Amino acid sequence: MKILRFDLSILSIGLIFLATSAEAQAPNKVLGTWRMISAQLDPDGRNLAAYGPAPKSLMVFTPDMHVIEVMTDSTVPKFASNARGYGTAKENQAAMAGGIGWFGTYMVDENGDLEGDRVEGSTFPNWVGDVRTREDIQFVVDGDRILETFVRPEGTKIAITWQRITLGKPSSAE
């Protein structure tokens, strides 16, 4: 009888631990691959398309807490030289202004919401090492959409809408 009571006690403790762990680990709401639908910037009250009228951009959140984001303006012209290292000043300026890419790690809170990220590498070197928190960037997940909002250091407001790419469905923007 003592052995049965001991076994039941161990089983009860195990079930409590499992229930507590399940409660503390809500699904990661940002996990997956996302395609940019729109990116609007609002300098001085004007509403402009940040990456042109048809942005080509992806953001990927992996299960091991890594993130990569590449944002490009599909209207940036190709280099006449057809070589990345040999663009003219004008071509280089357009390419730099028309896209950015970065990668790093991210954190989610107990509700599965994005808590922040850390930039490990970027096409804009000033971002490397940056840590962004909810005070810097807001992510609102609504089903298969994310609304990302933030304010640039000079005060320009940015709003980006992302659509989750679902396996078996076309990945083009709506």
N, C-alpha and C. Protein backbone atom coordinates (compact mmCIF):
# COMPACT_ATOMS: atom_id res chain seq x y z
N MET A 1 0.81 -1.19 0.00
CA MET A 1 0.00 0.00 0.00
C MET A 1 0.86 1.26 0.00
N LYS A 2 2.01 1.20 0.78
CA LYS A 2 2.91 2.34 0.81
C LYS A 2 3.50 2.62 -0.57
N ILE A 3 3.84 1.57 -1.29
CA ILE A 3 4.43 1.72 -2.62
C ILE A 3 3.43 2.35 -3.56
N LEU A 4 2.17 1.93 -3.51
CA LEU A 4 1.13 2.49 -4.36
C LEU A 4 0.94 3.97 -4.06
N ARG A 5 0.91 4.34 -2.76
CA ARG A 5 0.76 5.74 -2.36
C ARG A 5 1.94 6.57 -2.88
N PHE A 6 3.16 6.03 -2.76
CA PHE A 6 4.36 6.71 -3.23
C PHE A 6 4.29 6.91 -4.75
N ASP A 7 3.89 5.85 -5.47
CA ASP A 7 3.78 5.95 -6.93
C ASP A 7 2.73 6.98 -7.33
N LEU A 8 1.61 7.02 -6.63
CA LEU A 8 0.57 8.01 -6.92
C LEU A 8 1.06 9.43 -6.63
N SER A 9 1.85 9.58 -5.57
CA SER A 9 2.40 10.90 -5.25
C SER A 9 3.34 11.37 -6.35
N ILE A 10 4.21 10.50 -6.80
CA ILE A 10 5.14 10.84 -7.88
C ILE A 10 4.36 11.18 -9.14
N LEU A 11 3.35 10.39 -9.47
CA LEU A 11 2.52 10.63 -10.64
C LEU A 11 1.82 11.98 -10.54
N SER A 12 1.29 12.31 -9.36
CA SER A 12 0.62 13.60 -9.16
C SER A 12 1.57 14.76 -9.37
N ILE A 13 2.77 14.65 -8.82
CA ILE A 13 3.77 15.71 -8.98
C ILE A 13 4.12 15.87 -10.45
N GLY A 14 4.28 14.76 -11.15
CA GLY A 14 4.59 14.80 -12.58
C GLY A 14 3.50 15.46 -13.38
N LEU A 15 2.24 15.14 -13.08
CA LEU A 15 1.12 15.75 -13.79
C LEU A 15 1.03 17.25 -13.51
N ILE A 16 1.27 17.65 -12.28
CA ILE A 16 1.27 19.08 -11.94
C ILE A 16 2.36 19.79 -12.72
N PHE A 17 3.57 19.20 -12.78
CA PHE A 17 4.68 19.79 -13.52
C PHE A 17 4.33 19.94 -15.00
N LEU A 18 3.74 18.89 -15.60
CA LEU A 18 3.38 18.95 -17.01
C LEU A 18 2.32 20.01 -17.26
N ALA A 19 1.33 20.10 -16.40
CA ALA A 19 0.28 21.10 -16.56
C ALA A 19 0.84 22.51 -16.44
N THR A 20 1.74 22.73 -15.48
CA THR A 20 2.36 24.04 -15.31
C THR A 20 3.20 24.39 -16.52
N SER A 21 3.97 23.43 -17.05
CA SER A 21 4.80 23.69 -18.22
C SER A 21 3.95 24.03 -19.43
N ALA A 22 2.85 23.33 -19.61
CA ALA A 22 1.97 23.58 -20.76
C ALA A 22 1.37 24.97 -20.67
N GLU A 23 1.00 25.40 -19.46
CA GLU A 23 0.43 26.73 -19.29
C GLU A 23 1.45 27.81 -19.60
N ALA A 24 2.69 27.61 -19.20
CA ALA A 24 3.73 28.62 -19.35
C ALA A 24 4.21 28.75 -20.79
N GLN A 25 3.95 27.76 -21.63
CA GLN A 25 4.46 27.78 -22.98
C GLN A 25 3.34 27.90 -24.00
N ALA A 26 2.83 29.11 -24.16
CA ALA A 26 1.81 29.36 -25.19
C ALA A 26 2.47 29.23 -26.56
N PRO A 27 1.69 28.93 -27.59
CA PRO A 27 2.27 28.82 -28.93
C PRO A 27 2.98 30.11 -29.35
N ASN A 28 4.10 29.94 -30.03
CA ASN A 28 4.87 31.07 -30.56
C ASN A 28 4.07 31.67 -31.72
N LYS A 29 3.49 32.84 -31.52
CA LYS A 29 2.59 33.44 -32.52
C LYS A 29 3.31 33.93 -33.77
N VAL A 30 4.60 34.22 -33.68
CA VAL A 30 5.31 34.76 -34.84
C VAL A 30 6.06 33.68 -35.64
N LEU A 31 6.13 32.48 -35.12
CA LEU A 31 6.86 31.39 -35.76
C LEU A 31 6.36 31.18 -37.19
N GLY A 32 7.28 31.09 -38.13
CA GLY A 32 6.91 30.82 -39.52
C GLY A 32 7.51 31.82 -40.49
N THR A 33 7.01 31.77 -41.71
CA THR A 33 7.49 32.63 -42.79
C THR A 33 6.40 33.62 -43.15
N TRP A 34 6.79 34.87 -43.31
CA TRP A 34 5.86 35.96 -43.55
C TRP A 34 6.27 36.75 -44.78
N ARG A 35 5.31 37.17 -45.59
CA ARG A 35 5.56 38.00 -46.77
C ARG A 35 4.97 39.39 -46.51
N MET A 36 5.76 40.42 -46.88
CA MET A 36 5.29 41.79 -46.70
C MET A 36 4.15 42.09 -47.66
N ILE A 37 3.08 42.65 -47.13
CA ILE A 37 1.95 43.09 -47.93
C ILE A 37 2.10 44.57 -48.25
N SER A 38 2.50 45.34 -47.24
CA SER A 38 2.71 46.78 -47.45
C SER A 38 3.64 47.32 -46.38
N ALA A 39 4.29 48.42 -46.72
CA ALA A 39 5.15 49.13 -45.77
C ALA A 39 4.93 50.62 -46.02
N GLN A 40 4.36 51.27 -45.03
CA GLN A 40 4.06 52.69 -45.16
C GLN A 40 4.91 53.49 -44.20
N LEU A 41 5.48 54.59 -44.71
CA LEU A 41 6.18 55.50 -43.82
C LEU A 41 5.48 56.84 -43.89
N ASP A 42 5.54 57.56 -42.79
CA ASP A 42 4.77 58.79 -42.65
C ASP A 42 5.66 59.96 -42.21
N PRO A 43 6.58 60.40 -43.10
CA PRO A 43 7.38 61.56 -42.73
C PRO A 43 6.57 62.84 -42.90
N ASP A 44 6.55 63.65 -41.91
CA ASP A 44 5.86 64.95 -41.98
C ASP A 44 4.40 64.83 -42.40
N GLY A 45 3.73 63.77 -41.99
CA GLY A 45 2.31 63.63 -42.28
C GLY A 45 2.00 63.11 -43.67
N ARG A 46 3.01 62.79 -44.48
CA ARG A 46 2.79 62.20 -45.81
C ARG A 46 2.81 60.69 -45.68
N ASN A 47 2.00 60.00 -46.45
CA ASN A 47 1.94 58.54 -46.40
C ASN A 47 2.60 57.99 -47.66
N LEU A 48 3.80 57.39 -47.53
CA LEU A 48 4.57 56.92 -48.67
C LEU A 48 4.83 55.42 -48.56
N ALA A 49 4.93 54.75 -49.70
CA ALA A 49 5.27 53.33 -49.72
C ALA A 49 6.77 53.19 -49.47
N ALA A 50 7.13 52.57 -48.35
CA ALA A 50 8.54 52.49 -47.94
C ALA A 50 9.38 51.65 -48.90
N TYR A 51 8.84 50.61 -49.47
CA TYR A 51 9.60 49.75 -50.37
C TYR A 51 8.91 49.65 -51.72
N GLY A 52 8.39 50.77 -52.18
CA GLY A 52 7.74 50.84 -53.48
C GLY A 52 6.35 50.25 -53.48
N PRO A 53 5.70 50.31 -54.64
CA PRO A 53 4.30 49.85 -54.73
C PRO A 53 4.15 48.33 -54.65
N ALA A 54 5.23 47.60 -54.91
CA ALA A 54 5.16 46.13 -54.88
C ALA A 54 6.39 45.57 -54.17
N PRO A 55 6.45 45.69 -52.84
CA PRO A 55 7.63 45.22 -52.11
C PRO A 55 7.81 43.71 -52.26
N LYS A 56 9.05 43.29 -52.31
CA LYS A 56 9.41 41.86 -52.34
C LYS A 56 10.21 41.62 -51.06
N SER A 57 9.54 41.09 -50.06
CA SER A 57 10.17 40.99 -48.75
C SER A 57 9.68 39.77 -47.99
N LEU A 58 10.60 39.16 -47.25
CA LEU A 58 10.27 38.01 -46.40
C LEU A 58 10.84 38.20 -45.01
N MET A 59 10.14 37.63 -44.04
CA MET A 59 10.60 37.59 -42.66
C MET A 59 10.36 36.16 -42.18
N VAL A 60 11.38 35.55 -41.58
CA VAL A 60 11.27 34.16 -41.14
C VAL A 60 11.67 34.06 -39.67
N PHE A 61 10.78 33.51 -38.85
CA PHE A 61 11.05 33.21 -37.44
C PHE A 61 11.15 31.69 -37.32
N THR A 62 12.31 31.19 -36.89
CA THR A 62 12.53 29.75 -36.80
C THR A 62 12.20 29.22 -35.41
N PRO A 63 11.96 27.90 -35.29
CA PRO A 63 11.67 27.32 -33.98
C PRO A 63 12.82 27.47 -32.98
N ASP A 64 14.06 27.58 -33.48
CA ASP A 64 15.20 27.71 -32.57
C ASP A 64 15.52 29.18 -32.25
N MET A 65 14.53 30.05 -32.45
CA MET A 65 14.57 31.46 -32.04
C MET A 65 15.54 32.31 -32.86
N HIS A 66 15.68 32.00 -34.14
CA HIS A 66 16.44 32.85 -35.05
C HIS A 66 15.45 33.56 -35.98
N VAL A 67 15.85 34.72 -36.46
CA VAL A 67 15.01 35.50 -37.35
C VAL A 67 15.87 36.05 -38.48
N ILE A 68 15.28 36.13 -39.66
CA ILE A 68 15.92 36.77 -40.79
C ILE A 68 14.86 37.58 -41.52
N GLU A 69 15.23 38.79 -41.91
CA GLU A 69 14.29 39.68 -42.59
C GLU A 69 15.02 40.32 -43.76
N VAL A 70 14.43 40.21 -44.95
CA VAL A 70 14.97 40.85 -46.14
C VAL A 70 13.85 41.64 -46.77
N MET A 71 14.07 42.95 -46.93
CA MET A 71 13.05 43.83 -47.50
C MET A 71 13.64 44.53 -48.72
N THR A 72 12.94 44.43 -49.86
CA THR A 72 13.42 45.04 -51.08
C THR A 72 12.31 45.75 -51.83
N ASP A 73 12.70 46.77 -52.56
CA ASP A 73 11.80 47.51 -53.44
C ASP A 73 11.99 46.91 -54.83
N SER A 74 10.94 46.31 -55.37
CA SER A 74 11.05 45.62 -56.66
C SER A 74 11.25 46.58 -57.83
N THR A 75 11.12 47.88 -57.59
CA THR A 75 11.28 48.85 -58.68
C THR A 75 12.71 49.38 -58.81
N VAL A 76 13.62 48.97 -57.92
CA VAL A 76 15.01 49.42 -58.02
C VAL A 76 15.61 48.83 -59.30
N PRO A 77 16.17 49.69 -60.18
CA PRO A 77 16.72 49.18 -61.44
C PRO A 77 17.97 48.33 -61.25
N LYS A 78 18.18 47.42 -62.19
CA LYS A 78 19.38 46.59 -62.18
C LYS A 78 20.60 47.44 -62.51
N PHE A 79 21.77 46.99 -62.05
CA PHE A 79 23.02 47.68 -62.35
C PHE A 79 23.39 47.45 -63.82
N ALA A 80 23.83 48.50 -64.50
CA ALA A 80 24.23 48.40 -65.90
C ALA A 80 25.41 47.43 -66.06
N SER A 81 26.32 47.41 -65.09
CA SER A 81 27.51 46.55 -65.16
C SER A 81 27.18 45.08 -64.91
N ASN A 82 26.02 44.81 -64.35
CA ASN A 82 25.61 43.46 -63.96
C ASN A 82 26.55 42.85 -62.91
N ALA A 83 27.27 43.72 -62.18
CA ALA A 83 28.19 43.26 -61.13
C ALA A 83 27.97 44.10 -59.88
N ARG A 84 27.68 43.42 -58.78
CA ARG A 84 27.35 44.11 -57.52
C ARG A 84 28.43 45.09 -57.08
N GLY A 85 29.66 44.77 -57.24
CA GLY A 85 30.76 45.62 -56.79
C GLY A 85 31.11 46.76 -57.73
N TYR A 86 30.39 46.89 -58.84
CA TYR A 86 30.74 47.89 -59.85
C TYR A 86 29.57 48.80 -60.21
N GLY A 87 28.70 49.08 -59.27
CA GLY A 87 27.60 49.99 -59.52
C GLY A 87 28.07 51.43 -59.52
N THR A 88 27.34 52.29 -60.21
CA THR A 88 27.63 53.72 -60.16
C THR A 88 27.17 54.25 -58.81
N ALA A 89 27.55 55.47 -58.49
CA ALA A 89 27.11 56.08 -57.23
C ALA A 89 25.59 56.11 -57.16
N LYS A 90 24.95 56.44 -58.27
CA LYS A 90 23.48 56.51 -58.32
C LYS A 90 22.86 55.12 -58.12
N GLU A 91 23.43 54.10 -58.78
CA GLU A 91 22.93 52.73 -58.64
C GLU A 91 23.10 52.23 -57.21
N ASN A 92 24.27 52.48 -56.63
CA ASN A 92 24.53 52.06 -55.25
C ASN A 92 23.58 52.74 -54.27
N GLN A 93 23.34 54.03 -54.48
CA GLN A 93 22.44 54.77 -53.59
C GLN A 93 21.02 54.20 -53.69
N ALA A 94 20.55 53.93 -54.90
CA ALA A 94 19.21 53.37 -55.09
C ALA A 94 19.10 51.98 -54.46
N ALA A 95 20.14 51.17 -54.63
CA ALA A 95 20.13 49.82 -54.05
C ALA A 95 20.12 49.87 -52.53
N MET A 96 20.93 50.76 -51.95
CA MET A 96 20.99 50.88 -50.49
C MET A 96 19.67 51.41 -49.93
N ALA A 97 19.09 52.39 -50.60
CA ALA A 97 17.82 52.97 -50.13
C ALA A 97 16.64 52.03 -50.37
N GLY A 98 16.78 51.13 -51.34
CA GLY A 98 15.66 50.29 -51.73
C GLY A 98 15.61 48.92 -51.09
N GLY A 99 16.46 48.68 -50.12
CA GLY A 99 16.40 47.38 -49.48
C GLY A 99 17.27 47.29 -48.24
N ILE A 100 16.93 46.35 -47.40
CA ILE A 100 17.74 46.07 -46.22
C ILE A 100 17.53 44.61 -45.84
N GLY A 101 18.55 44.03 -45.28
CA GLY A 101 18.46 42.66 -44.79
C GLY A 101 19.18 42.56 -43.46
N TRP A 102 18.65 41.73 -42.59
CA TRP A 102 19.31 41.51 -41.29
C TRP A 102 18.93 40.14 -40.76
N PHE A 103 19.73 39.65 -39.82
CA PHE A 103 19.42 38.39 -39.16
C PHE A 103 19.86 38.48 -37.71
N GLY A 104 19.27 37.61 -36.89
CA GLY A 104 19.62 37.59 -35.48
C GLY A 104 18.78 36.59 -34.72
N THR A 105 18.51 36.92 -33.48
CA THR A 105 17.70 36.07 -32.62
C THR A 105 16.50 36.87 -32.12
N TYR A 106 15.50 36.14 -31.64
CA TYR A 106 14.31 36.81 -31.11
C TYR A 106 13.83 36.12 -29.84
N MET A 107 12.99 36.84 -29.09
CA MET A 107 12.42 36.31 -27.86
C MET A 107 10.91 36.47 -27.92
N VAL A 108 10.18 35.52 -27.32
CA VAL A 108 8.74 35.65 -27.15
C VAL A 108 8.42 35.57 -25.66
N ASP A 109 7.30 36.15 -25.28
CA ASP A 109 6.89 36.11 -23.88
C ASP A 109 6.04 34.87 -23.61
N GLU A 110 5.52 34.78 -22.39
CA GLU A 110 4.72 33.61 -21.99
C GLU A 110 3.43 33.47 -22.78
N ASN A 111 2.99 34.55 -23.47
CA ASN A 111 1.79 34.50 -24.29
C ASN A 111 2.09 34.16 -25.75
N GLY A 112 3.37 33.99 -26.08
CA GLY A 112 3.76 33.69 -27.45
C GLY A 112 3.93 34.93 -28.32
N ASP A 113 3.87 36.12 -27.72
CA ASP A 113 4.03 37.38 -28.45
C ASP A 113 5.50 37.77 -28.54
N LEU A 114 5.87 38.45 -29.63
CA LEU A 114 7.25 38.90 -29.78
C LEU A 114 7.60 39.86 -28.66
N GLU A 115 8.71 39.57 -28.01
CA GLU A 115 9.18 40.39 -26.90
C GLU A 115 10.33 41.29 -27.33
N GLY A 116 11.08 40.86 -28.34
CA GLY A 116 12.20 41.65 -28.82
C GLY A 116 13.11 40.83 -29.71
N ASP A 117 14.14 41.49 -30.24
CA ASP A 117 15.11 40.80 -31.07
C ASP A 117 16.49 41.42 -30.92
N ARG A 118 17.49 40.70 -31.40
CA ARG A 118 18.88 41.17 -31.35
C ARG A 118 19.48 40.96 -32.73
N VAL A 119 20.03 42.02 -33.31
CA VAL A 119 20.61 41.98 -34.65
C VAL A 119 22.05 41.47 -34.57
N GLU A 120 22.32 40.37 -35.28
CA GLU A 120 23.67 39.81 -35.33
C GLU A 120 24.42 40.25 -36.58
N GLY A 121 23.70 40.48 -37.68
CA GLY A 121 24.31 40.93 -38.92
C GLY A 121 23.29 41.68 -39.75
N SER A 122 23.75 42.66 -40.54
CA SER A 122 22.84 43.48 -41.32
C SER A 122 23.55 44.11 -42.51
N THR A 123 22.80 44.39 -43.57
CA THR A 123 23.36 45.15 -44.68
C THR A 123 23.57 46.61 -44.29
N PHE A 124 22.97 47.04 -43.19
CA PHE A 124 23.23 48.37 -42.62
C PHE A 124 24.04 48.14 -41.36
N PRO A 125 25.36 48.35 -41.42
CA PRO A 125 26.24 47.97 -40.31
C PRO A 125 25.91 48.62 -38.97
N ASN A 126 25.27 49.75 -38.97
CA ASN A 126 24.94 50.43 -37.71
C ASN A 126 23.96 49.65 -36.86
N TRP A 127 23.22 48.71 -37.45
CA TRP A 127 22.25 47.92 -36.70
C TRP A 127 22.88 46.75 -35.95
N VAL A 128 24.07 46.32 -36.37
CA VAL A 128 24.69 45.13 -35.78
C VAL A 128 24.89 45.35 -34.27
N GLY A 129 24.37 44.40 -33.49
CA GLY A 129 24.45 44.48 -32.04
C GLY A 129 23.24 45.13 -31.39
N ASP A 130 22.37 45.75 -32.19
CA ASP A 130 21.17 46.39 -31.62
C ASP A 130 20.24 45.36 -31.00
N VAL A 131 19.64 45.73 -29.90
CA VAL A 131 18.61 44.94 -29.25
C VAL A 131 17.36 45.79 -29.24
N ARG A 132 16.28 45.26 -29.83
CA ARG A 132 15.01 45.99 -29.85
C ARG A 132 14.03 45.31 -28.91
N THR A 133 13.31 46.10 -28.15
CA THR A 133 12.30 45.59 -27.23
C THR A 133 10.93 46.12 -27.66
N ARG A 134 9.91 45.80 -26.88
CA ARG A 134 8.56 46.29 -27.18
C ARG A 134 8.48 47.82 -27.16
N GLU A 135 9.40 48.45 -26.46
CA GLU A 135 9.42 49.91 -26.45
C GLU A 135 9.88 50.45 -27.80
N ASP A 136 10.65 49.67 -28.54
CA ASP A 136 11.19 50.10 -29.83
C ASP A 136 10.34 49.66 -31.02
N ILE A 137 9.73 48.50 -30.91
CA ILE A 137 9.01 47.90 -32.03
C ILE A 137 7.78 47.16 -31.49
N GLN A 138 6.65 47.35 -32.16
CA GLN A 138 5.43 46.68 -31.74
C GLN A 138 4.99 45.71 -32.83
N PHE A 139 4.66 44.49 -32.43
CA PHE A 139 4.15 43.45 -33.32
C PHE A 139 2.78 43.06 -32.80
N VAL A 140 1.76 43.24 -33.62
CA VAL A 140 0.42 42.79 -33.26
C VAL A 140 0.06 41.67 -34.22
N VAL A 141 -0.08 40.46 -33.69
CA VAL A 141 -0.43 39.30 -34.50
C VAL A 141 -1.94 39.13 -34.44
N ASP A 142 -2.55 39.08 -35.63
CA ASP A 142 -3.99 38.85 -35.74
C ASP A 142 -4.19 37.71 -36.74
N GLY A 143 -4.22 36.49 -36.23
CA GLY A 143 -4.34 35.32 -37.10
C GLY A 143 -3.10 35.17 -37.96
N ASP A 144 -3.27 35.27 -39.27
CA ASP A 144 -2.17 35.13 -40.21
C ASP A 144 -1.62 36.47 -40.68
N ARG A 145 -1.86 37.52 -39.91
CA ARG A 145 -1.32 38.85 -40.24
C ARG A 145 -0.55 39.40 -39.05
N ILE A 146 0.49 40.14 -39.36
CA ILE A 146 1.23 40.90 -38.34
C ILE A 146 1.22 42.35 -38.76
N LEU A 147 0.94 43.23 -37.82
CA LEU A 147 1.14 44.66 -38.02
C LEU A 147 2.35 45.04 -37.18
N GLU A 148 3.42 45.44 -37.86
CA GLU A 148 4.67 45.85 -37.21
C GLU A 148 4.74 47.37 -37.27
N THR A 149 4.91 48.01 -36.14
CA THR A 149 5.03 49.47 -36.12
C THR A 149 6.23 49.88 -35.28
N PHE A 150 6.86 50.94 -35.72
CA PHE A 150 7.99 51.51 -34.97
C PHE A 150 8.23 52.93 -35.45
N VAL A 151 9.06 53.65 -34.74
CA VAL A 151 9.42 55.01 -35.10
C VAL A 151 10.94 55.05 -35.29
N ARG A 152 11.37 55.55 -36.44
CA ARG A 152 12.80 55.68 -36.71
C ARG A 152 13.40 56.73 -35.78
N PRO A 153 14.71 56.70 -35.59
CA PRO A 153 15.35 57.68 -34.68
C PRO A 153 15.04 59.14 -35.02
N GLU A 154 14.87 59.46 -36.31
CA GLU A 154 14.58 60.84 -36.69
C GLU A 154 13.10 61.20 -36.55
N GLY A 155 12.25 60.20 -36.15
CA GLY A 155 10.84 60.47 -35.89
C GLY A 155 9.86 59.97 -36.92
N THR A 156 10.33 59.39 -38.02
CA THR A 156 9.43 58.87 -39.05
C THR A 156 8.73 57.61 -38.55
N LYS A 157 7.40 57.59 -38.69
CA LYS A 157 6.61 56.43 -38.27
C LYS A 157 6.55 55.42 -39.42
N ILE A 158 6.71 54.14 -39.09
CA ILE A 158 6.67 53.05 -40.08
C ILE A 158 5.60 52.05 -39.65
N ALA A 159 4.81 51.59 -40.62
CA ALA A 159 3.82 50.53 -40.38
C ALA A 159 3.96 49.50 -41.49
N ILE A 160 4.27 48.27 -41.11
CA ILE A 160 4.46 47.19 -42.08
C ILE A 160 3.44 46.09 -41.79
N THR A 161 2.76 45.64 -42.83
CA THR A 161 1.81 44.54 -42.70
C THR A 161 2.42 43.30 -43.36
N TRP A 162 2.43 42.21 -42.60
CA TRP A 162 2.98 40.93 -43.05
C TRP A 162 1.86 39.89 -43.11
N GLN A 163 1.92 39.00 -44.08
CA GLN A 163 0.97 37.89 -44.24
C GLN A 163 1.73 36.58 -44.08
N ARG A 164 1.22 35.68 -43.23
CA ARG A 164 1.86 34.38 -43.05
C ARG A 164 1.76 33.58 -44.35
N ILE A 165 2.86 32.94 -44.73
CA ILE A 165 2.87 32.05 -45.88
C ILE A 165 2.52 30.66 -45.36
N THR A 166 1.46 30.09 -45.89
CA THR A 166 0.98 28.80 -45.44
C THR A 166 1.34 27.74 -46.48
N LEU A 167 1.86 26.63 -46.01
CA LEU A 167 2.25 25.53 -46.89
C LEU A 167 1.06 25.11 -47.75
N GLY A 168 1.30 24.98 -49.04
CA GLY A 168 0.25 24.54 -49.95
C GLY A 168 -0.59 25.66 -50.51
N LYS A 169 -0.34 26.90 -50.05
CA LYS A 169 -1.08 28.05 -50.59
C LYS A 169 -0.11 28.95 -51.33
N PRO A 170 -0.58 29.66 -52.35
CA PRO A 170 0.32 30.57 -53.07
C PRO A 170 0.92 31.59 -52.10
N SER A 171 2.19 31.96 -52.35
CA SER A 171 2.87 32.87 -51.44
C SER A 171 2.92 34.30 -51.96
N SER A 172 2.19 34.60 -53.01
CA SER A 172 2.22 35.97 -53.53
C SER A 172 1.37 36.87 -52.65
N ALA A 173 1.71 38.16 -52.67
CA ALA A 173 0.96 39.15 -51.89
C ALA A 173 -0.45 39.24 -52.42
N GLU A 174 -1.36 39.54 -51.50
CA GLU A 174 -2.77 39.66 -51.90
C GLU A 174 -3.04 40.98 -52.57
